[in-house]
């Protein structure tokens, strides 16, 4: 009996606690690629990622543009960088909803039986969803150019805006992930996450100049991380101050990662 127990223990697969950092990275990339490949078999996923950005772009440009800037063309030039930021942050919610759905359906219970790092499925999903944002960025910029938007800096500025947006979105994804892991259902994830993201984006300078806000709201807008990110993206794409808002955005990103990543990983381990 003792021999059988020892043999069974010996043949058990290694748990996530015994996986090396290099193996964890490799497993994370494998699961990330697995999520990306699924788009090939489910093109509707990209369609979902495409409809909302275009809808917001058209609505804000042609419904509010004339009232805010006096010209839809002028407003498009101002607002598109802010819409890029808004779309990137809103898409982090899909990561939270997807994770919550996978957990409630038992997907992670099956992955847990494999000899992989326990955090690899979590990190793989975050990275895959962040990569998908490149498609949304290209789509919004391309469609905006059809409507009349022009990059007034350079290709390097455009690529820098994409890189900054991806880095900040990746960091802020951890906050959405924590919400997804703590909520009991996808519906509650959506309610809590939108209640968080909507005030952040609409009380910033992403869609309107913060100088038009009441003084108390302008004070908040000046420290809002979305304001600094929108100003940095706008500076990289159409000109203006770049160094200060970019540095502040990166500091905010580091803060979000340092605070929410450990909390999310802890919540993930407790839940699965």
Protein backbone atom coordinates (compact mmCIF):
# COMPACT_ATOMS: atom_id res chain seq x y z
CA UNK A 1 0.00 0.00 0.00
CA UNK A 2 2.80 2.37 0.91
CA UNK A 3 4.64 1.53 -2.32
CA UNK A 4 1.55 2.25 -4.40
CA UNK A 5 1.03 5.59 -2.66
CA UNK A 6 4.67 6.55 -3.21
CA UNK A 7 4.49 5.62 -6.90
CA UNK A 8 1.29 7.60 -7.36
CA UNK A 9 2.85 10.62 -5.71
CA UNK A 10 5.94 10.34 -7.89
CA UNK A 11 3.92 10.31 -11.11
CA UNK A 12 1.74 13.28 -10.16
CA UNK A 13 2.30 16.30 -12.47
CA UNK A 14 4.15 19.25 -11.05
CA UNK A 15 1.99 22.03 -9.66
CA UNK A 16 2.27 25.69 -10.50
CA UNK A 17 4.46 26.21 -7.43
CA UNK A 18 7.30 24.15 -8.98
CA UNK A 19 7.29 25.80 -12.42
CA UNK A 20 10.34 27.91 -13.22
CA UNK A 21 9.98 31.54 -14.31
CA UNK A 22 11.16 30.67 -17.85
CA UNK A 23 8.61 27.86 -18.09
CA UNK A 24 5.91 30.19 -16.76
CA UNK A 25 6.72 32.72 -19.48
CA UNK A 26 6.65 30.02 -22.15
CA UNK A 27 3.32 28.68 -20.91
CA UNK A 28 1.88 32.19 -20.75
CA UNK A 29 2.86 32.84 -24.36
CA UNK A 30 1.42 29.48 -25.44
CA UNK A 31 -1.95 30.17 -23.82
CA UNK A 32 -1.89 33.72 -25.18
CA UNK A 33 -1.34 32.38 -28.70
CA UNK A 34 -4.15 29.88 -28.13
CA UNK A 35 -6.54 32.74 -27.39
CA UNK A 36 -5.40 34.68 -30.46
CA UNK A 37 -5.72 31.70 -32.80
CA UNK A 38 -9.36 31.32 -31.80
CA UNK A 39 -10.09 34.53 -33.71
CA UNK A 40 -9.40 32.58 -36.92
CA UNK A 41 -12.25 30.22 -36.09
CA UNK A 42 -14.48 32.91 -34.63
CA UNK A 43 -14.17 36.09 -36.73
CA UNK A 44 -17.18 37.54 -34.91
CA UNK A 45 -14.84 38.27 -32.02
CA UNK A 46 -13.02 40.84 -34.16
CA UNK A 47 -16.37 42.17 -35.36
CA UNK A 48 -17.39 42.79 -31.75
CA UNK A 49 -14.09 44.61 -31.29
CA UNK A 50 -14.77 46.73 -34.39
CA UNK A 51 -18.39 47.83 -34.15
CA UNK A 52 -18.26 49.74 -30.86
CA UNK A 53 -15.20 51.91 -31.70
CA UNK A 54 -16.62 52.90 -35.07
CA UNK A 55 -20.04 53.60 -33.56
CA UNK A 56 -18.55 55.86 -30.88
CA UNK A 57 -16.39 57.63 -33.46
CA UNK A 58 -19.37 58.39 -35.71
CA UNK A 59 -21.67 59.41 -32.86
CA UNK A 60 -19.24 61.73 -31.09
CA UNK A 61 -18.01 63.29 -34.33
CA UNK A 62 -21.31 63.97 -36.06
CA UNK A 63 -23.67 64.33 -33.08
CA UNK A 64 -21.51 66.27 -30.62
CA UNK A 65 -18.69 67.60 -32.81
CA UNK A 66 -20.47 70.68 -34.11
CA UNK A 67 -21.76 71.65 -30.67
CA UNK A 68 -18.42 71.20 -28.93
CA UNK A 69 -15.94 72.51 -31.50
CA UNK A 70 -18.15 74.28 -34.01
CA UNK A 71 -16.90 71.93 -36.74
CA UNK A 72 -17.04 68.16 -37.04
CA UNK A 73 -13.60 68.19 -38.68
CA UNK A 74 -12.00 70.12 -35.83
CA UNK A 75 -13.64 67.91 -33.25
CA UNK A 76 -12.55 64.73 -35.05
CA UNK A 77 -8.95 65.95 -34.96
CA UNK A 78 -9.24 66.58 -31.21
CA UNK A 79 -11.36 63.62 -30.16
CA UNK A 80 -9.94 60.65 -32.05
CA UNK A 81 -6.88 60.29 -29.78
CA UNK A 82 -9.23 60.42 -26.79
CA UNK A 83 -11.50 57.82 -28.36
CA UNK A 84 -8.48 55.57 -28.80
CA UNK A 85 -7.85 55.84 -25.05
CA UNK A 86 -11.51 55.29 -24.18
CA UNK A 87 -11.77 52.24 -26.41
CA UNK A 88 -8.57 50.70 -25.02
CA UNK A 89 -9.74 51.08 -21.42
CA UNK A 90 -13.25 49.86 -22.17
CA UNK A 91 -11.83 46.77 -23.87
CA UNK A 92 -10.09 45.75 -20.65
CA UNK A 93 -13.62 45.04 -19.41
CA UNK A 94 -13.94 42.21 -21.92
CA UNK A 95 -10.91 40.58 -20.30
CA UNK A 96 -12.65 40.72 -16.92
CA UNK A 97 -15.93 39.37 -18.32
CA UNK A 98 -14.14 36.62 -20.25
CA UNK A 99 -12.16 35.49 -17.21
CA UNK A 100 -15.25 35.46 -15.02
CA UNK A 101 -17.12 33.43 -17.63
CA UNK A 102 -14.27 30.91 -17.95
CA UNK A 103 -14.08 30.49 -14.19
CA UNK A 104 -17.82 30.04 -13.71
CA UNK A 105 -17.91 27.50 -16.55
CA UNK A 106 -15.03 25.49 -15.07
CA UNK A 107 -12.46 26.18 -17.80
CA UNK A 108 -9.79 27.00 -15.24
CA UNK A 109 -10.55 23.84 -13.28
CA UNK A 110 -9.48 21.84 -16.33
CA UNK A 111 -6.36 23.95 -16.87
CA UNK A 112 -5.44 23.57 -13.20
CA UNK A 113 -5.01 19.82 -13.70
CA UNK A 114 -2.17 20.47 -16.15
CA UNK A 115 1.48 20.82 -15.01
CA UNK A 116 1.57 24.55 -15.71
CA UNK A 117 1.98 27.69 -13.65
CA UNK A 118 -1.29 28.63 -12.01
CA UNK A 119 -1.02 32.23 -13.23
CA UNK A 120 -0.24 31.30 -16.87
CA UNK A 121 -3.92 31.11 -17.97
CA UNK A 122 -4.57 34.48 -16.35
CA UNK A 123 -1.53 36.24 -17.83
CA UNK A 124 -2.05 34.57 -21.21
CA UNK A 125 -5.58 35.93 -21.46
CA UNK A 126 -4.50 39.45 -20.50
CA UNK A 127 -1.69 39.53 -23.07
CA UNK A 128 -3.90 38.11 -25.85
CA UNK A 129 -6.62 40.69 -25.23
CA UNK A 130 -4.03 43.48 -25.13
CA UNK A 131 -2.62 42.36 -28.50
CA UNK A 132 -6.12 42.53 -29.96
CA UNK A 133 -6.12 46.22 -29.12
CA UNK A 134 -3.61 46.75 -31.92
CA UNK A 135 -6.40 45.82 -34.34
CA UNK A 136 -8.80 48.28 -32.71
CA UNK A 137 -6.14 51.03 -32.81
CA UNK A 138 -5.44 50.47 -36.52
CA UNK A 139 -9.16 50.31 -37.30
CA UNK A 140 -9.98 53.56 -35.50
CA UNK A 141 -7.05 55.46 -36.99
CA UNK A 142 -7.76 54.13 -40.48
CA UNK A 143 -11.48 54.87 -40.32
CA UNK A 144 -10.74 58.26 -38.80
CA UNK A 145 -8.49 59.08 -41.75
CA UNK A 146 -11.33 58.21 -44.10
CA UNK A 147 -13.46 60.75 -42.23
CA UNK A 148 -10.73 63.39 -42.41
CA UNK A 149 -8.42 62.82 -39.44
CA UNK A 150 -4.73 63.44 -40.11
CA UNK A 151 -1.63 62.49 -38.12
CA UNK A 152 0.24 65.79 -37.88
CA UNK A 153 3.45 64.50 -36.32
CA UNK A 154 5.12 61.44 -37.86
CA UNK A 155 4.94 57.68 -38.22
CA UNK A 156 7.21 57.43 -35.17
CA UNK A 157 4.71 59.49 -33.20
CA UNK A 158 1.88 57.23 -34.31
CA UNK A 159 3.79 54.09 -33.31
CA UNK A 160 4.77 55.72 -30.03
CA UNK A 161 1.09 56.42 -29.31
CA UNK A 162 0.26 52.76 -29.98
CA UNK A 163 3.08 51.55 -27.73
CA UNK A 164 2.08 53.86 -24.88
CA UNK A 165 -1.58 52.87 -25.19
CA UNK A 166 -0.74 49.16 -25.08
CA UNK A 167 1.52 49.54 -22.03
CA UNK A 168 -1.03 51.53 -20.04
CA UNK A 169 -3.94 49.29 -21.08
CA UNK A 170 -1.94 46.22 -20.07
CA UNK A 171 -1.28 47.72 -16.63
CA UNK A 172 -4.87 48.85 -16.10
CA UNK A 173 -6.14 45.42 -17.18
CA UNK A 174 -5.14 44.14 -13.75
CA UNK A 175 -7.81 46.33 -12.14
CA UNK A 176 -10.45 44.90 -14.47
CA UNK A 177 -9.15 41.39 -13.84
CA UNK A 178 -9.51 41.87 -10.09
CA UNK A 179 -13.12 42.94 -10.61
CA UNK A 180 -13.70 39.91 -12.82
CA UNK A 181 -12.30 37.55 -10.21
CA UNK A 182 -14.20 39.08 -7.29
CA UNK A 183 -17.61 39.37 -8.96
CA UNK A 184 -19.95 36.40 -8.82
CA UNK A 185 -21.25 36.62 -12.39
CA UNK A 186 -20.42 38.24 -15.77
CA UNK A 187 -23.40 40.58 -15.35
CA UNK A 188 -22.02 41.93 -12.08
CA UNK A 189 -18.59 42.29 -13.68
CA UNK A 190 -20.07 44.47 -16.39
CA UNK A 191 -22.03 46.59 -13.91
CA UNK A 192 -19.07 47.18 -11.57
CA UNK A 193 -16.51 47.70 -14.32
CA UNK A 194 -18.62 50.19 -16.29
CA UNK A 195 -19.36 52.06 -13.08
CA UNK A 196 -15.59 52.43 -12.69
CA UNK A 197 -14.49 53.13 -16.27
CA UNK A 198 -17.29 55.49 -17.32
CA UNK A 199 -16.53 58.19 -14.71
CA UNK A 200 -12.78 57.88 -15.37
CA UNK A 201 -13.10 58.45 -19.11
CA UNK A 202 -15.89 61.03 -19.18
CA UNK A 203 -14.37 63.23 -16.46
CA UNK A 204 -11.09 63.52 -18.35
CA UNK A 205 -9.88 65.55 -21.31
CA UNK A 206 -10.28 62.56 -23.63
CA UNK A 207 -13.44 63.86 -25.33
CA UNK A 208 -13.72 67.53 -24.32
CA UNK A 209 -11.22 70.15 -23.12
CA UNK A 210 -11.09 70.02 -19.33
CA UNK A 211 -11.04 73.83 -19.22
CA UNK A 212 -14.81 73.74 -19.92
CA UNK A 213 -15.48 71.82 -16.68
CA UNK A 214 -16.57 73.43 -13.41
CA UNK A 215 -13.53 74.28 -11.27
CA UNK A 216 -13.97 71.32 -8.89
CA UNK A 217 -14.31 68.87 -11.80
CA UNK A 218 -11.36 70.43 -13.62
CA UNK A 219 -9.24 69.86 -10.50
CA UNK A 220 -10.13 66.18 -10.57
CA UNK A 221 -9.54 66.01 -14.32
CA UNK A 222 -6.04 67.38 -13.87
CA UNK A 223 -5.08 64.34 -11.76
CA UNK A 224 -7.20 61.82 -13.64
CA UNK A 225 -4.85 59.23 -15.27
CA UNK A 226 -7.06 59.15 -18.36
CA UNK A 227 -6.48 62.88 -18.89
CA UNK A 228 -2.70 62.44 -18.91
CA UNK A 229 -2.91 59.44 -21.23
CA UNK A 230 -5.24 61.25 -23.63
CA UNK A 231 -2.97 64.32 -23.63
CA UNK A 232 0.08 62.14 -24.31
CA UNK A 233 -1.61 60.28 -27.19
CA UNK A 234 -2.85 63.58 -28.62
CA UNK A 235 0.63 65.09 -28.40
CA UNK A 236 2.21 62.09 -30.12
CA UNK A 237 -0.34 62.09 -32.94
CA UNK A 238 -1.22 65.72 -33.64
CA UNK A 239 1.37 67.70 -31.69
CA UNK A 240 1.63 69.33 -28.30
CA UNK A 241 3.28 68.45 -25.01
CA UNK A 242 4.47 64.86 -24.92
CA UNK A 243 7.18 64.32 -22.29
CA UNK A 244 5.27 65.27 -19.12
CA UNK A 245 1.94 63.50 -19.84
CA UNK A 246 3.79 60.43 -21.12
CA UNK A 247 5.91 60.20 -17.98
CA UNK A 248 2.88 60.68 -15.73
CA UNK A 249 0.97 58.03 -17.71
CA UNK A 250 3.80 55.55 -17.28
CA UNK A 251 3.94 56.29 -13.55
CA UNK A 252 0.19 55.69 -13.30
CA UNK A 253 0.62 52.45 -15.25
CA UNK A 254 3.34 51.27 -12.89
CA UNK A 255 1.13 52.15 -9.93
CA UNK A 256 -1.83 50.19 -11.32
CA UNK A 257 0.38 47.17 -12.00
CA UNK A 258 2.08 47.26 -8.58
CA UNK A 259 -1.20 47.59 -6.69
CA UNK A 260 -3.65 45.48 -8.69
CA UNK A 261 -1.49 42.70 -10.17
CA UNK A 262 -0.64 41.08 -6.80
CA UNK A 263 -4.25 41.48 -5.63
CA UNK A 264 -5.56 39.92 -8.86
CA UNK A 265 -3.12 37.00 -8.69
CA UNK A 266 -4.03 36.38 -5.05
CA UNK A 267 -7.76 36.50 -5.86
CA UNK A 268 -7.18 34.15 -8.80
CA UNK A 269 -5.38 31.58 -6.67
CA UNK A 270 -8.04 31.77 -3.96
CA UNK A 271 -10.89 31.37 -6.43
CA UNK A 272 -9.52 28.49 -8.53
